[in-house]
C-alpha atoms as a PDB file:
ATOM      1  CA  MET A   1     -63.238  42.545  -4.484  1.00  0.00           C
ATOM      2  CA  LYS A   2     -61.358  42.336  -1.263  1.00  0.00           C
ATOM      3  CA  ASN A   3     -61.794  39.462   1.325  1.00  0.00           C
ATOM      4  CA  GLY A   4     -65.339  39.515   3.162  1.00  0.00           C
ATOM      5  CA  GLU A   5     -66.843  41.894   0.737  1.00  0.00           C
ATOM      6  CA  LYS A   6     -69.859  41.358  -0.906  1.00  0.00           C
ATOM      7  CA  SER A   7     -70.093  40.412  -4.477  1.00  0.00           C
ATOM      8  CA  ILE A   8     -72.578  43.566  -6.346  1.00  0.00           C
ATOM      9  CA  GLN A   9     -74.093  43.437  -9.759  1.00  0.00           C
ATOM     10  CA  GLY A  10     -75.695  46.081 -11.521  1.00  0.00           C
ATOM     11  CA  ILE A  11     -76.839  47.226 -15.110  1.00  0.00           C
ATOM     12  CA  CYS A  12     -76.678  50.745 -16.332  1.00  0.00           C
ATOM     13  CA  PHE A  13     -79.425  51.683 -19.243  1.00  0.00           C
ATOM     14  CA  GLY A  14     -78.985  54.352 -21.664  1.00  0.00           C
ATOM     15  CA  GLU A  15     -77.031  56.697 -24.050  1.00  0.00           C
ATOM     16  CA  VAL A  16     -73.412  55.680 -25.318  1.00  0.00           C
ATOM     17  CA  LEU A  17     -71.861  58.406 -27.589  1.00  0.00           C
ATOM     18  CA  TRP A  18     -69.282  60.340 -29.028  1.00  0.00           C
ATOM     19  CA  ASP A  19     -68.876  63.708 -28.323  1.00  0.00           C
ATOM     20  CA  ASN A  20     -67.621  65.270 -31.564  1.00  0.00           C
ATOM     21  CA  LEU A  21     -65.061  67.977 -30.080  1.00  0.00           C
ATOM     22  CA  PRO A  22     -63.109  70.796 -31.855  1.00  0.00           C
ATOM     23  CA  THR A  23     -59.987  68.612 -30.951  1.00  0.00           C
ATOM     24  CA  GLY A  24     -61.804  65.260 -32.059  1.00  0.00           C
ATOM     25  CA  LYS A  25     -64.048  63.004 -30.967  1.00  0.00           C
ATOM     26  CA  LYS A  26     -64.467  61.432 -27.275  1.00  0.00           C
ATOM     27  CA  LEU A  27     -66.447  58.620 -25.623  1.00  0.00           C
ATOM     28  CA  GLY A  28     -69.091  59.836 -23.809  1.00  0.00           C
ATOM     29  CA  GLY A  29     -72.763  59.457 -21.662  1.00  0.00           C
ATOM     30  CA  ALA A  30     -73.799  59.608 -18.506  1.00  0.00           C
ATOM     31  CA  PRO A  31     -74.458  56.138 -17.552  1.00  0.00           C
ATOM     32  CA  LEU A  32     -71.323  54.709 -19.410  1.00  0.00           C
ATOM     33  CA  ASN A  33     -69.501  56.967 -17.213  1.00  0.00           C
ATOM     34  CA  VAL A  34     -71.222  55.238 -14.253  1.00  0.00           C
ATOM     35  CA  ALA A  35     -70.521  51.768 -15.647  1.00  0.00           C
ATOM     36  CA  TYR A  36     -67.012  52.278 -16.341  1.00  0.00           C
ATOM     37  CA  HIS A  37     -66.236  53.214 -12.450  1.00  0.00           C
ATOM     38  CA  LEU A  38     -68.512  50.829 -11.019  1.00  0.00           C
ATOM     39  CA  ASN A  39     -66.323  48.225 -13.196  1.00  0.00           C
ATOM     40  CA  LYS A  40     -63.190  49.871 -11.668  1.00  0.00           C
ATOM     41  CA  LEU A  41     -64.441  49.535  -8.336  1.00  0.00           C
ATOM     42  CA  GLY A  42     -65.140  45.896  -8.666  1.00  0.00           C
ATOM     43  CA  VAL A  43     -68.909  45.769  -9.135  1.00  0.00           C
ATOM     44  CA  THR A  44     -69.527  44.005 -12.332  1.00  0.00           C
ATOM     45  CA  THR A  45     -71.907  46.185 -14.313  1.00  0.00           C
ATOM     46  CA  ARG A  46     -73.134  45.830 -17.623  1.00  0.00           C
ATOM     47  CA  MET A  47     -74.022  48.621 -20.159  1.00  0.00           C
ATOM     48  CA  LEU A  48     -77.431  48.082 -21.868  1.00  0.00           C
ATOM     49  CA  THR A  49     -77.373  50.363 -25.109  1.00  0.00           C
ATOM     50  CA  ARG A  50     -77.873  49.992 -28.647  1.00  0.00           C
ATOM     51  CA  ILE A  51     -75.153  51.191 -31.203  1.00  0.00           C
ATOM     52  CA  GLY A  52     -75.410  51.668 -34.946  1.00  0.00           C
ATOM     53  CA  ARG A  53     -74.083  48.845 -37.015  1.00  0.00           C
ATOM     54  CA  ASP A  54     -71.193  51.180 -38.324  1.00  0.00           C
ATOM     55  CA  GLU A  55     -67.615  52.458 -37.783  1.00  0.00           C
ATOM     56  CA  ASN A  56     -68.460  54.476 -35.199  1.00  0.00           C
ATOM     57  CA  GLY A  57     -70.522  51.812 -33.380  1.00  0.00           C
ATOM     58  CA  TYR A  58     -67.756  49.191 -34.053  1.00  0.00           C
ATOM     59  CA  GLU A  59     -64.979  51.282 -32.432  1.00  0.00           C
ATOM     60  CA  LEU A  60     -67.163  52.584 -29.735  1.00  0.00           C
ATOM     61  CA  ARG A  61     -67.833  49.038 -28.794  1.00  0.00           C
ATOM     62  CA  LYS A  62     -63.839  48.079 -28.589  1.00  0.00           C
ATOM     63  CA  VAL A  63     -63.109  51.205 -26.710  1.00  0.00           C
ATOM     64  CA  CYS A  64     -65.759  49.826 -24.026  1.00  0.00           C
ATOM     65  CA  GLU A  65     -64.306  46.402 -23.836  1.00  0.00           C
ATOM     66  CA  ASP A  66     -60.780  47.723 -23.481  1.00  0.00           C
ATOM     67  CA  LEU A  67     -62.124  49.848 -20.665  1.00  0.00           C
ATOM     68  CA  GLY A  68     -63.625  46.927 -18.817  1.00  0.00           C
ATOM     69  CA  ILE A  69     -67.018  47.630 -19.342  1.00  0.00           C
ATOM     70  CA  PRO A  70     -69.278  44.550 -20.058  1.00  0.00           C
ATOM     71  CA  THR A  71     -70.615  44.873 -23.569  1.00  0.00           C
ATOM     72  CA  ASP A  72     -72.899  41.806 -23.698  1.00  0.00           C
ATOM     73  CA  PHE A  73     -75.923  43.500 -23.524  1.00  0.00           C
ATOM     74  CA  PHE A  74     -75.123  46.349 -26.299  1.00  0.00           C
ATOM     75  CA  GLN A  75     -77.669  45.967 -29.243  1.00  0.00           C
ATOM     76  CA  TYR A  76     -76.970  46.751 -32.871  1.00  0.00           C
ATOM     77  CA  ASP A  77     -79.705  48.786 -35.161  1.00  0.00           C
ATOM     78  CA  GLU A  78     -79.623  48.247 -38.538  1.00  0.00           C
ATOM     79  CA  LEU A  79     -81.312  51.546 -39.473  1.00  0.00           C
ATOM     80  CA  LEU A  80     -80.198  54.546 -36.861  1.00  0.00           C
ATOM     81  CA  PRO A  81     -76.274  55.455 -36.568  1.00  0.00           C
ATOM     82  CA  THR A  82     -74.488  55.153 -33.412  1.00  0.00           C
ATOM     83  CA  SER A  83     -74.639  58.282 -31.217  1.00  0.00           C
ATOM     84  CA  THR A  84     -72.607  61.526 -31.792  1.00  0.00           C
ATOM     85  CA  VAL A  85     -72.953  65.315 -29.988  1.00  0.00           C
ATOM     86  CA  GLU A  86     -71.738  68.014 -32.104  1.00  0.00           C
ATOM     87  CA  VAL A  87     -69.874  70.112 -29.735  1.00  0.00           C
ATOM     88  CA  SER A  88     -69.220  73.752 -30.582  1.00  0.00           C
ATOM     89  CA  ILE A  89     -67.358  76.735 -28.700  1.00  0.00           C
ATOM     90  CA  ASP A  90     -68.254  80.437 -29.354  1.00  0.00           C
ATOM     91  CA  ALA A  91     -66.486  83.535 -29.123  1.00  0.00           C
ATOM     92  CA  LYS A  92     -67.116  83.920 -25.503  1.00  0.00           C
ATOM     93  CA  ARG A  93     -65.804  80.110 -25.012  1.00  0.00           C
ATOM     94  CA  ASP A  94     -69.088  79.044 -24.260  1.00  0.00           C
ATOM     95  CA  VAL A  95     -70.019  75.510 -25.446  1.00  0.00           C
ATOM     96  CA  HIS A  96     -72.881  74.331 -26.886  1.00  0.00           C
ATOM     97  CA  TYR A  97     -74.338  71.093 -27.432  1.00  0.00           C
ATOM     98  CA  ASP A  98     -76.203  69.427 -30.332  1.00  0.00           C
ATOM     99  CA  ILE A  99     -77.379  66.027 -29.320  1.00  0.00           C
ATOM    100  CA  VAL A 100     -78.197  64.482 -32.645  1.00  0.00           C
ATOM    101  CA  TYR A 101     -81.558  62.595 -32.733  1.00  0.00           C
ATOM    102  CA  PRO A 102     -82.837  59.930 -33.796  1.00  0.00           C
ATOM    103  CA  VAL A 103     -79.792  57.539 -33.176  1.00  0.00           C
ATOM    104  CA  ALA A 104     -79.660  53.959 -32.194  1.00  0.00           C
ATOM    105  CA  TRP A 105     -80.141  54.130 -28.123  1.00  0.00           C
ATOM    106  CA  ASP A 106     -83.328  56.185 -29.006  1.00  0.00           C
ATOM    107  CA  ARG A 107     -84.589  52.365 -29.908  1.00  0.00           C
ATOM    108  CA  ILE A 108     -83.320  50.046 -26.770  1.00  0.00           C
ATOM    109  CA  ALA A 109     -85.332  46.842 -26.683  1.00  0.00           C
ATOM    110  CA  VAL A 110     -85.641  44.311 -23.928  1.00  0.00           C
ATOM    111  CA  ASP A 111     -86.177  40.582 -24.204  1.00  0.00           C
ATOM    112  CA  SER A 112     -86.710  37.958 -21.551  1.00  0.00           C
ATOM    113  CA  VAL A 113     -82.980  37.594 -20.841  1.00  0.00           C
ATOM    114  CA  VAL A 114     -82.407  40.973 -20.512  1.00  0.00           C
ATOM    115  CA  LEU A 115     -85.744  41.274 -17.936  1.00  0.00           C
ATOM    116  CA  GLU A 116     -84.423  38.263 -16.182  1.00  0.00           C
ATOM    117  CA  ALA A 117     -81.070  39.928 -15.963  1.00  0.00           C
ATOM    118  CA  VAL A 118     -82.493  42.845 -14.567  1.00  0.00           C
ATOM    119  CA  ALA A 119     -84.473  41.191 -11.832  1.00  0.00           C
ATOM    120  CA  THR A 120     -81.352  39.231 -10.290  1.00  0.00           C
ATOM    121  CA  VAL A 121     -78.886  41.979 -10.164  1.00  0.00           C
ATOM    122  CA  ASP A 122     -78.432  44.325  -7.266  1.00  0.00           C
ATOM    123  CA  PHE A 123     -79.741  47.680  -8.848  1.00  0.00           C
ATOM    124  CA  LEU A 124     -80.498  49.444 -12.097  1.00  0.00           C
ATOM    125  CA  VAL A 125     -79.288  52.561 -12.836  1.00  0.00           C
ATOM    126  CA  TYR A 126     -81.366  54.730 -15.421  1.00  0.00           C
ATOM    127  CA  GLY A 127     -81.053  58.356 -16.711  1.00  0.00           C
ATOM    128  CA  SER A 128     -84.065  60.663 -18.197  1.00  0.00           C
ATOM    129  CA  LEU A 129     -81.960  61.469 -21.228  1.00  0.00           C
ATOM    130  CA  ALA A 130     -82.657  57.906 -22.740  1.00  0.00           C
ATOM    131  CA  CYS A 131     -86.105  58.574 -22.303  1.00  0.00           C
ATOM    132  CA  ARG A 132     -86.408  61.015 -25.089  1.00  0.00           C
ATOM    133  CA  ASP A 133     -87.915  58.324 -27.387  1.00  0.00           C
ATOM    134  CA  GLU A 134     -91.087  56.466 -26.774  1.00  0.00           C
ATOM    135  CA  VAL A 135     -89.320  53.262 -27.870  1.00  0.00           C
ATOM    136  CA  SER A 136     -86.466  53.382 -25.033  1.00  0.00           C
ATOM    137  CA  PHE A 137     -88.715  54.900 -22.534  1.00  0.00           C
ATOM    138  CA  GLN A 138     -91.318  52.374 -22.762  1.00  0.00           C
ATOM    139  CA  SER A 139     -88.522  49.540 -22.440  1.00  0.00           C
ATOM    140  CA  LEU A 140     -87.145  51.232 -19.287  1.00  0.00           C
ATOM    141  CA  LEU A 141     -90.308  50.916 -17.617  1.00  0.00           C
ATOM    142  CA  LEU A 142     -90.770  47.467 -18.341  1.00  0.00           C
ATOM    143  CA  LEU A 143     -87.593  46.726 -16.568  1.00  0.00           C
ATOM    144  CA  LEU A 144     -88.100  49.010 -13.873  1.00  0.00           C
ATOM    145  CA  GLU A 145     -90.854  47.115 -13.025  1.00  0.00           C
ATOM    146  CA  LYS A 146     -88.602  43.900 -12.386  1.00  0.00           C
ATOM    147  CA  ALA A 147     -85.555  46.081 -10.829  1.00  0.00           C
ATOM    148  CA  ARG A 148     -84.807  45.392  -7.047  1.00  0.00           C
ATOM    149  CA  PHE A 149     -83.151  48.582  -6.372  1.00  0.00           C
ATOM    150  CA  ARG A 150     -83.871  51.701  -9.009  1.00  0.00           C
ATOM    151  CA  VAL A 151     -81.449  54.583  -9.000  1.00  0.00           C
ATOM    152  CA  MET A 152     -82.269  57.317 -11.203  1.00  0.00           C
ATOM    153  CA  ASP A 153     -79.514  59.650 -12.162  1.00  0.00           C
ATOM    154  CA  VAL A 154     -81.448  62.833 -13.566  1.00  0.00           C
ATOM    155  CA  ASN A 155     -80.032  64.269 -16.566  1.00  0.00           C
ATOM    156  CA  LEU A 156     -82.160  66.921 -17.930  1.00  0.00           C
ATOM    157  CA  ARG A 157     -80.959  68.301 -21.335  1.00  0.00           C
ATOM    158  CA  THR A 158     -82.965  70.990 -23.235  1.00  0.00           C
ATOM    159  CA  PRO A 159     -85.402  70.264 -25.210  1.00  0.00           C
ATOM    160  CA  TYR A 160     -85.556  66.584 -24.386  1.00  0.00           C
ATOM    161  CA  PHE A 161     -87.391  66.450 -20.975  1.00  0.00           C
ATOM    162  CA  GLY A 162     -90.536  67.685 -19.392  1.00  0.00           C
ATOM    163  CA  PRO A 163     -92.681  66.987 -16.031  1.00  0.00           C
ATOM    164  CA  GLU A 164     -94.724  64.058 -17.619  1.00  0.00           C
ATOM    165  CA  LYS A 165     -91.944  61.707 -18.314  1.00  0.00           C
ATOM    166  CA  ILE A 166     -89.622  62.790 -15.288  1.00  0.00           C
ATOM    167  CA  HIS A 167     -92.379  62.181 -12.916  1.00  0.00           C
ATOM    168  CA  LYS A 168     -93.041  58.730 -14.185  1.00  0.00           C
ATOM    169  CA  LEU A 169     -89.383  57.962 -13.769  1.00  0.00           C
ATOM    170  CA  LEU A 170     -88.994  59.443 -10.496  1.00  0.00           C
ATOM    171  CA  ALA A 171     -92.157  57.293  -9.300  1.00  0.00           C
ATOM    172  CA  TYR A 172     -90.237  54.313  -9.826  1.00  0.00           C
ATOM    173  CA  ALA A 173     -86.966  55.786  -8.219  1.00  0.00           C
ATOM    174  CA  ASP A 174     -85.609  54.427  -4.897  1.00  0.00           C
ATOM    175  CA  PHE A 175     -82.736  56.547  -5.251  1.00  0.00           C
ATOM    176  CA  VAL A 176     -82.101  59.637  -6.972  1.00  0.00           C
ATOM    177  CA  LYS A 177     -79.056  61.791  -8.096  1.00  0.00           C
ATOM    178  CA  MET A 178     -79.500  65.413  -9.391  1.00  0.00           C
ATOM    179  CA  ASN A 179     -77.718  68.520  -9.365  1.00  0.00           C
ATOM    180  CA  ALA A 180     -78.590  71.716  -7.800  1.00  0.00           C
ATOM    181  CA  GLU A 181     -80.411  72.981 -10.922  1.00  0.00           C
ATOM    182  CA  GLU A 182     -82.141  69.922 -11.647  1.00  0.00           C
ATOM    183  CA  LEU A 183     -83.649  70.008  -7.890  1.00  0.00           C
ATOM    184  CA  HIS A 184     -84.837  73.562  -8.496  1.00  0.00           C
ATOM    185  CA  VAL A 185     -86.358  72.537 -11.924  1.00  0.00           C
ATOM    186  CA  ILE A 186     -88.541  69.657 -10.618  1.00  0.00           C
ATOM    187  CA  SER A 187     -89.608  71.031  -7.364  1.00  0.00           C
ATOM    188  CA  ASP A 188     -90.758  74.312  -9.106  1.00  0.00           C
ATOM    189  CA  TRP A 189     -92.894  71.668 -11.299  1.00  0.00           C
ATOM    190  CA  ASN A 190     -94.102  70.536  -7.853  1.00  0.00           C
ATOM    191  CA  GLY A 191     -95.282  73.789  -6.336  1.00  0.00           C
ATOM    192  CA  ALA A 192     -92.024  75.252  -4.894  1.00  0.00           C
ATOM    193  CA  THR A 193     -91.599  79.076  -4.768  1.00  0.00           C
ATOM    194  CA  GLU A 194     -88.513  80.910  -4.323  1.00  0.00           C
ATOM    195  CA  ALA A 195     -88.967  80.928  -0.839  1.00  0.00           C
ATOM    196  CA  TYR A 196     -88.238  77.197  -0.376  1.00  0.00           C
ATOM    197  CA  THR A 197     -84.733  76.051   0.610  1.00  0.00           C
ATOM    198  CA  ASP A 198     -82.958  73.392  -0.913  1.00  0.00           C
ATOM    199  CA  GLN A 199     -83.955  71.458   2.094  1.00  0.00           C
ATOM    200  CA  GLN A 200     -87.615  71.809   1.611  1.00  0.00           C
ATOM    201  CA  ARG A 201     -87.394  71.233  -2.101  1.00  0.00           C
ATOM    202  CA  VAL A 202     -85.678  67.790  -1.334  1.00  0.00           C
ATOM    203  CA  ASP A 203     -88.270  66.955   0.878  1.00  0.00           C
ATOM    204  CA  LEU A 204     -91.070  67.949  -1.491  1.00  0.00           C
ATOM    205  CA  ILE A 205     -90.015  65.473  -4.024  1.00  0.00           C
ATOM    206  CA  MET A 206     -88.955  62.644  -1.643  1.00  0.00           C
ATOM    207  CA  ALA A 207     -92.508  62.904  -0.348  1.00  0.00           C
ATOM    208  CA  ARG A 208     -94.170  63.132  -3.381  1.00  0.00           C
ATOM    209  CA  PHE A 209     -92.752  60.394  -5.091  1.00  0.00           C
ATOM    210  CA  ALA A 210     -92.059  58.169  -1.985  1.00  0.00           C
ATOM    211  CA  ILE A 211     -88.161  58.233  -2.534  1.00  0.00           C
ATOM    212  CA  GLN A 212     -86.190  56.771   0.272  1.00  0.00           C
ATOM    213  CA  GLU A 213     -82.345  58.453  -0.752  1.00  0.00           C
ATOM    214  CA  ALA A 214     -81.079  61.011  -2.792  1.00  0.00           C
ATOM    215  CA  ILE A 215     -77.906  63.058  -3.543  1.00  0.00           C
ATOM    216  CA  VAL A 216     -77.683  66.444  -4.732  1.00  0.00           C
ATOM    217  CA  THR A 217     -74.570  67.504  -6.147  1.00  0.00           C
ATOM    218  CA  TYR A 218     -73.349  71.247  -5.748  1.00  0.00           C
ATOM    219  CA  GLY A 219     -70.020  71.083  -7.694  1.00  0.00           C
ATOM    220  CA  ALA A 220     -67.147  72.738  -5.766  1.00  0.00           C
ATOM    221  CA  ASP A 221     -69.666  73.056  -3.001  1.00  0.00           C
ATOM    222  CA  GLY A 222     -69.578  69.258  -2.409  1.00  0.00           C
ATOM    223  CA  ALA A 223     -73.138  67.346  -2.208  1.00  0.00           C
ATOM    224  CA  VAL A 224     -75.866  66.647   0.154  1.00  0.00           C
ATOM    225  CA  TYR A 225     -77.053  63.084   0.917  1.00  0.00           C
ATOM    226  CA  HIS A 226     -80.604  62.951   2.201  1.00  0.00           C
ATOM    227  CA  TYR A 227     -81.917  59.875   3.809  1.00  0.00           C
ATOM    228  CA  LYS A 228     -85.680  59.536   4.272  1.00  0.00           C
ATOM    229  CA  LYS A 229     -85.770  56.850   6.428  1.00  0.00           C
ATOM    230  CA  ASP A 230     -83.943  58.203   9.165  1.00  0.00           C
ATOM    231  CA  ASN A 231     -85.077  61.765   8.449  1.00  0.00           C
ATOM    232  CA  ILE A 232     -81.638  62.852   7.984  1.00  0.00           C
ATOM    233  CA  SER A 233     -78.981  64.729   5.494  1.00  0.00           C
ATOM    234  CA  TYR A 234     -75.366  64.765   5.648  1.00  0.00           C
ATOM    235  CA  HIS A 235     -73.283  67.657   3.790  1.00  0.00           C
ATOM    236  CA  PHE A 236     -70.032  66.536   2.458  1.00  0.00           C
ATOM    237  CA  PRO A 237     -67.397  69.265   0.920  1.00  0.00           C
ATOM    238  CA  ALA A 238     -65.557  68.869  -2.759  1.00  0.00           C
ATOM    239  CA  LEU A 239     -62.013  68.115  -2.220  1.00  0.00           C
ATOM    240  CA  LYS A 240     -59.904  71.072  -2.803  1.00  0.00           C
ATOM    241  CA  VAL A 241     -58.088  70.170  -5.857  1.00  0.00           C
ATOM    242  CA  GLN A 242     -56.624  71.277  -9.145  1.00  0.00           C
ATOM    243  CA  VAL A 243     -59.321  71.235 -11.685  1.00  0.00           C
ATOM    244  CA  GLU A 244     -58.595  69.566 -15.159  1.00  0.00           C
ATOM    245  CA  ASP A 245     -62.175  69.443 -16.129  1.00  0.00           C
ATOM    246  CA  THR A 246     -65.511  68.447 -14.211  1.00  0.00           C
ATOM    247  CA  ILE A 247     -66.580  66.109 -16.943  1.00  0.00           C
ATOM    248  CA  GLY A 248     -67.797  62.519 -15.395  1.00  0.00           C
ATOM    249  CA  SER A 249     -67.084  63.669 -11.537  1.00  0.00           C
ATOM    250  CA  GLY A 250     -70.812  63.452 -10.568  1.00  0.00           C
ATOM    251  CA  ASP A 251     -71.106  59.989 -12.221  1.00  0.00           C
ATOM    252  CA  SER A 252     -67.818  59.066 -10.683  1.00  0.00           C
ATOM    253  CA  PHE A 253     -69.573  59.923  -7.225  1.00  0.00           C
ATOM    254  CA  LEU A 254     -72.422  58.261  -7.963  1.00  0.00           C
ATOM    255  CA  ALA A 255     -70.665  54.995  -8.835  1.00  0.00           C
ATOM    256  CA  ALA A 256     -68.483  55.237  -5.825  1.00  0.00           C
ATOM    257  CA  PHE A 257     -71.222  55.903  -3.519  1.00  0.00           C
ATOM    258  CA  LEU A 258     -73.158  52.823  -4.865  1.00  0.00           C
ATOM    259  CA  THR A 259     -70.399  50.491  -4.267  1.00  0.00           C
ATOM    260  CA  LYS A 260     -70.009  51.536  -0.604  1.00  0.00           C
ATOM    261  CA  ARG A 261     -73.828  51.999  -0.055  1.00  0.00           C
ATOM    262  CA  PHE A 262     -74.143  47.817  -0.828  1.00  0.00           C
ATOM    263  CA  GLN A 263     -71.410  47.332   1.785  1.00  0.00           C
ATOM    264  CA  MET A 264     -72.965  49.471   4.629  1.00  0.00           C
ATOM    265  CA  GLN A 265     -74.801  46.452   6.055  1.00  0.00           C
ATOM    266  CA  GLU A 266     -71.341  44.465   6.609  1.00  0.00           C
ATOM    267  CA  GLY A 267     -70.018  47.600   8.800  1.00  0.00           C
ATOM    268  CA  VAL A 268     -69.061  50.400   6.338  1.00  0.00           C
ATOM    269  CA  GLN A 269     -70.473  53.705   7.817  1.00  0.00           C
ATOM    270  CA  LEU A 270     -72.143  56.448   6.025  1.00  0.00           C
ATOM    271  CA  GLU A 271     -69.469  58.860   6.738  1.00  0.00           C
ATOM    272  CA  GLU A 272     -67.023  56.448   5.050  1.00  0.00           C
ATOM    273  CA  VAL A 273     -69.087  56.123   2.211  1.00  0.00           C
ATOM    274  CA  LEU A 274     -69.381  59.819   1.634  1.00  0.00           C
ATOM    275  CA  GLU A 275     -65.387  60.329   2.427  1.00  0.00           C
ATOM    276  CA  PHE A 276     -64.993  57.421  -0.719  1.00  0.00           C
ATOM    277  CA  ALA A 277     -67.246  59.261  -3.102  1.00  0.00           C
ATOM    278  CA  ALA A 278     -65.941  62.464  -2.614  1.00  0.00           C
ATOM    279  CA  THR A 279     -62.241  61.229  -2.734  1.00  0.00           C
ATOM    280  CA  LEU A 280     -63.106  59.300  -6.354  1.00  0.00           C
ATOM    281  CA  SER A 281     -65.168  62.482  -7.710  1.00  0.00           C
ATOM    282  CA  GLY A 282     -62.153  64.532  -6.869  1.00  0.00           C
ATOM    283  CA  PHE A 283     -59.526  62.245  -8.519  1.00  0.00           C
ATOM    284  CA  VAL A 284     -61.676  62.516 -11.274  1.00  0.00           C
ATOM    285  CA  THR A 285     -61.774  66.377 -11.413  1.00  0.00           C
ATOM    286  CA  GLN A 286     -58.391  66.882 -11.631  1.00  0.00           C
ATOM    287  CA  SER A 287     -57.837  64.163 -14.007  1.00  0.00           C
ATOM    288  CA  ARG A 288     -58.580  64.525 -17.837  1.00  0.00           C
ATOM    289  CA  GLY A 289     -61.932  63.263 -18.948  1.00  0.00           C
ATOM    290  CA  ALA A 290     -64.606  61.027 -17.377  1.00  0.00           C
ATOM    291  CA  CYS A 291     -63.015  57.922 -17.658  1.00  0.00           C
ATOM    292  CA  PRO A 292     -59.275  58.090 -16.275  1.00  0.00           C
ATOM    293  CA  GLU A 293     -57.157  55.033 -15.391  1.00  0.00           C
ATOM    294  CA  TYR A 294     -56.651  54.296 -11.909  1.00  0.00           C
ATOM    295  CA  ASN A 295     -56.325  51.407  -9.462  1.00  0.00           C
ATOM    296  CA  ASP A 296     -56.766  51.032  -5.624  1.00  0.00           C
ATOM    297  CA  GLU A 297     -53.128  52.292  -5.350  1.00  0.00           C
ATOM    298  CA  VAL A 298     -53.819  55.407  -7.137  1.00  0.00           C
ATOM    299  CA  ILE A 299     -56.806  56.211  -5.310  1.00  0.00           C
ATOM    300  CA  ASN A 300     -55.252  55.453  -1.648  1.00  0.00           C
ATOM    301  CA  ARG A 301     -52.260  57.634  -2.746  1.00  0.00           C
ATOM    302  CA  PHE A 302     -54.711  60.125  -4.098  1.00  0.00           C
ATOM    303  CA  GLN A 303     -56.783  60.075  -0.456  1.00  0.00           C
ATOM    304  CA  TRP A 304     -53.614  60.112   1.450  1.00  0.00           C
ATOM    305  CA  LEU A 305     -52.334  63.460  -0.410  1.00  0.00           C
ATOM    306  CA  HIS A 306     -55.809  64.878  -0.126  1.00  0.00           C
ATOM    307  CA  PRO A 307     -56.973  64.196   3.518  1.00  0.00           C
ATOM    308  CA  ILE A 308     -60.561  65.057   4.461  1.00  0.00           C
ATOM    309  CA  PHE A 309     -60.248  67.214   7.568  1.00  0.00           C
ATOM    310  CA  ASN A 310     -63.748  68.300   7.599  1.00  0.00           C
ATOM    311  CA  GLY A 311     -65.904  65.183   6.644  1.00  0.00           C
ATOM    312  CA  ALA A 312     -69.685  64.779   6.597  1.00  0.00           C
ATOM    313  CA  GLN A 313     -71.477  67.107   8.615  1.00  0.00           C
ATOM    314  CA  LYS A 314     -75.183  66.109   9.815  1.00  0.00           C
ATOM    315  CA  GLN A 315     -78.135  68.391   9.238  1.00  0.00           C
ATOM    316  CA  GLN A 316     -81.361  68.733  10.947  1.00  0.00           C
END
């Protein structure tokens, strides 16, 4: 943390897992990726999750500790295994995922210590995938009642989603991040037609669920930030980089945005927030995996080599 910057703290709730790829296993889970980048950016963020008391679980926790992610809110399950995702690639090079169920993070529990922690930190980040099981879903609802600022990272994975749970989670959210496909799915549930523009779809969702802020990501076409209070929307382009893979780019965008967003009251401008988020997302896109190693010097050099000439564009 730099001199004069506010000390920010958060908690990420949800899945941690191993992706079993043809080339070997790899650490994964959207909330885990967000927690990694927040901690790299100086925002102390604990990961609230559950792993099995097995070799995969012990290794996963050790890797997270090595990455600088606090693991004091990791829970052990005596019956269910650590989560794995079976990844296969067919003859057409299409990738298919089998998110094994049930696993340890389907049974995340809460107690007075966790509830108190959530009530004292600046924000709680949660996704929809971790709510596929009723146990973790009900635990999250208890946390959402206590949280100061609730950040929903929509993560629709077939067959583990439906309108009832998604709508309930959205009703708690102060801030929502989703991609364009998720925007269309949720807005269609709420009466949008093919004639609706994306702006109208966002307006529909934000109005129905009283959401104050939303980010819609568009991959190579950048992202759009919507702020209900001032009735503004900003489009921000993605950096032009050599794509290594897109794993975790949206997660890094969210982490960077949150880091700067909580500094806005100390003079940071919205355009600077968006520029920083786009920069980190671009760095992750041109790196291998969701959690590449970096520091301030690396990001500053990357930003110097990839200047943003056309920044955030305000939309009416």
